[in-house]
PDB file of N, CA and C in Angstrom:
ATOM      1  N   MET A   1     -28.901  26.811  -8.185  1.00  0.00           N
ATOM      2  CA  MET A   1     -29.958  27.730  -7.703  1.00  0.00           C
ATOM      3  C   MET A   1     -30.153  28.849  -8.729  1.00  0.00           C
ATOM      4  N   LYS A   2     -30.902  28.534  -9.767  1.00  0.00           N
ATOM      5  CA  LYS A   2     -31.161  29.537 -10.802  1.00  0.00           C
ATOM      6  C   LYS A   2     -32.186  30.564 -10.331  1.00  0.00           C
ATOM      7  N   ALA A   3     -32.986  30.180  -9.349  1.00  0.00           N
ATOM      8  CA  ALA A   3     -34.066  31.070  -8.889  1.00  0.00           C
ATOM      9  C   ALA A   3     -33.496  32.428  -8.476  1.00  0.00           C
ATOM     10  N   HIS A   4     -32.380  32.415  -7.765  1.00  0.00           N
ATOM     11  CA  HIS A   4     -31.814  33.679  -7.285  1.00  0.00           C
ATOM     12  C   HIS A   4     -31.451  34.579  -8.463  1.00  0.00           C
ATOM     13  N   HIS A   5     -30.821  33.990  -9.478  1.00  0.00           N
ATOM     14  CA  HIS A   5     -30.423  34.791 -10.648  1.00  0.00           C
ATOM     15  C   HIS A   5     -31.656  35.383 -11.317  1.00  0.00           C
ATOM     16  N   ASN A   6     -32.692  34.571 -11.462  1.00  0.00           N
ATOM     17  CA  ASN A   6     -33.920  35.056 -12.097  1.00  0.00           C
ATOM     18  C   ASN A   6     -34.537  36.168 -11.254  1.00  0.00           C
ATOM     19  N   THR A   7     -34.443  36.026  -9.939  1.00  0.00           N
ATOM     20  CA  THR A   7     -35.020  37.045  -9.057  1.00  0.00           C
ATOM     21  C   THR A   7     -34.308  38.376  -9.269  1.00  0.00           C
ATOM     22  N   GLU A   8     -32.998  38.331  -9.422  1.00  0.00           N
ATOM     23  CA  GLU A   8     -32.257  39.578  -9.642  1.00  0.00           C
ATOM     24  C   GLU A   8     -32.721  40.252 -10.919  1.00  0.00           C
ATOM     25  N   ARG A   9     -32.901  39.457 -11.977  1.00  0.00           N
ATOM     26  CA  ARG A   9     -33.349  40.040 -13.250  1.00  0.00           C
ATOM     27  C   ARG A   9     -34.739  40.629 -13.086  1.00  0.00           C
ATOM     28  N   SER A  10     -35.622  39.902 -12.425  1.00  0.00           N
ATOM     29  CA  SER A  10     -36.996  40.389 -12.235  1.00  0.00           C
ATOM     30  C   SER A  10     -36.964  41.674 -11.410  1.00  0.00           C
ATOM     31  N   GLY A  11     -36.081  41.728 -10.432  1.00  0.00           N
ATOM     32  CA  GLY A  11     -35.985  42.918  -9.597  1.00  0.00           C
ATOM     33  C   GLY A  11     -35.648  44.143 -10.422  1.00  0.00           C
ATOM     34  N   LYS A  12     -34.679  44.002 -11.322  1.00  0.00           N
ATOM     35  CA  LYS A  12     -34.311  45.146 -12.173  1.00  0.00           C
ATOM     36  C   LYS A  12     -35.500  45.556 -13.027  1.00  0.00           C
ATOM     37  N   ARG A  13     -36.189  44.560 -13.586  1.00  0.00           N
ATOM     38  CA  ARG A  13     -37.327  44.875 -14.451  1.00  0.00           C
ATOM     39  C   ARG A  13     -38.422  45.548 -13.635  1.00  0.00           C
ATOM     40  N   THR A  14     -38.626  45.072 -12.412  1.00  0.00           N
ATOM     41  CA  THR A  14     -39.672  45.653 -11.564  1.00  0.00           C
ATOM     42  C   THR A  14     -39.351  47.115 -11.270  1.00  0.00           C
ATOM     43  N   ILE A  15     -38.094  47.393 -10.970  1.00  0.00           N
ATOM     44  CA  ILE A  15     -37.695  48.780 -10.681  1.00  0.00           C
ATOM     45  C   ILE A  15     -37.982  49.660 -11.891  1.00  0.00           C
ATOM     46  N   ASP A  16     -37.684  49.150 -13.086  1.00  0.00           N
ATOM     47  CA  ASP A  16     -37.951  49.924 -14.308  1.00  0.00           C
ATOM     48  C   ASP A  16     -39.444  50.199 -14.429  1.00  0.00           C
ATOM     49  N   LEU A  17     -40.264  49.167 -14.188  1.00  0.00           N
ATOM     50  CA  LEU A  17     -41.718  49.335 -14.314  1.00  0.00           C
ATOM     51  C   LEU A  17     -42.210  50.344 -13.282  1.00  0.00           C
ATOM     52  N   VAL A  18     -41.706  50.242 -12.061  1.00  0.00           N
ATOM     53  CA  VAL A  18     -42.127  51.172 -11.004  1.00  0.00           C
ATOM     54  C   VAL A  18     -41.741  52.595 -11.388  1.00  0.00           C
ATOM     55  N   SER A  19     -40.529  52.767 -11.895  1.00  0.00           N
ATOM     56  CA  SER A  19     -40.075  54.102 -12.300  1.00  0.00           C
ATOM     57  C   SER A  19     -40.996  54.666 -13.374  1.00  0.00           C
ATOM     58  N   GLU A  20     -41.375  53.817 -14.335  1.00  0.00           N
ATOM     59  CA  GLU A  20     -42.281  54.274 -15.398  1.00  0.00           C
ATOM     60  C   GLU A  20     -43.622  54.672 -14.799  1.00  0.00           C
ATOM     61  N   ALA A  21     -44.118  53.866 -13.874  1.00  0.00           N
ATOM     62  CA  ALA A  21     -45.411  54.150 -13.253  1.00  0.00           C
ATOM     63  C   ALA A  21     -45.343  55.470 -12.488  1.00  0.00           C
ATOM     64  N   VAL A  22     -44.276  55.670 -11.746  1.00  0.00           N
ATOM     65  CA  VAL A  22     -44.123  56.913 -10.977  1.00  0.00           C
ATOM     66  C   VAL A  22     -44.093  58.105 -11.924  1.00  0.00           C
ATOM     67  N   ALA A  23     -43.336  57.992 -12.997  1.00  0.00           N
ATOM     68  CA  ALA A  23     -43.248  59.082 -13.971  1.00  0.00           C
ATOM     69  C   ALA A  23     -44.623  59.372 -14.557  1.00  0.00           C
ATOM     70  N   ALA A  24     -45.381  58.324 -14.854  1.00  0.00           N
ATOM     71  CA  ALA A  24     -46.721  58.505 -15.421  1.00  0.00           C
ATOM     72  C   ALA A  24     -47.618  59.226 -14.422  1.00  0.00           C
ATOM     73  N   VAL A  25     -47.529  58.844 -13.158  1.00  0.00           N
ATOM     74  CA  VAL A  25     -48.361  59.490 -12.127  1.00  0.00           C
ATOM     75  C   VAL A  25     -47.980  60.957 -12.004  1.00  0.00           C
ATOM     76  N   ILE A  26     -46.678  61.243 -11.968  1.00  0.00           N
ATOM     77  CA  ILE A  26     -46.216  62.633 -11.840  1.00  0.00           C
ATOM     78  C   ILE A  26     -46.712  63.445 -13.036  1.00  0.00           C
ATOM     79  N   ASN A  27     -46.578  62.905 -14.228  1.00  0.00           N
ATOM     80  CA  ASN A  27     -47.036  63.613 -15.424  1.00  0.00           C
ATOM     81  C   ASN A  27     -48.545  63.801 -15.373  1.00  0.00           C
ATOM     82  N   GLY A  28     -49.250  62.807 -14.835  1.00  0.00           N
ATOM     83  CA  GLY A  28     -50.711  62.883 -14.764  1.00  0.00           C
ATOM     84  C   GLY A  28     -51.166  63.945 -13.776  1.00  0.00           C
ATOM     85  N   THR A  29     -50.442  64.095 -12.662  1.00  0.00           N
ATOM     86  CA  THR A  29     -50.869  65.068 -11.650  1.00  0.00           C
ATOM     87  C   THR A  29     -50.596  66.487 -12.117  1.00  0.00           C
ATOM     88  N   GLN A  30     -49.524  66.669 -12.855  1.00  0.00           N
ATOM     89  CA  GLN A  30     -49.220  68.007 -13.351  1.00  0.00           C
ATOM     90  C   GLN A  30     -50.139  68.295 -14.532  1.00  0.00           C
TER      91      GLN A  30
END
């Protein structure tokens, strides 16, 4: 079941992307 392992990696990457997006929004509002 490689899918689960890949999902974990994608999850970490998604969190990083979300964090970047949030930071961009915060910087944009200020």
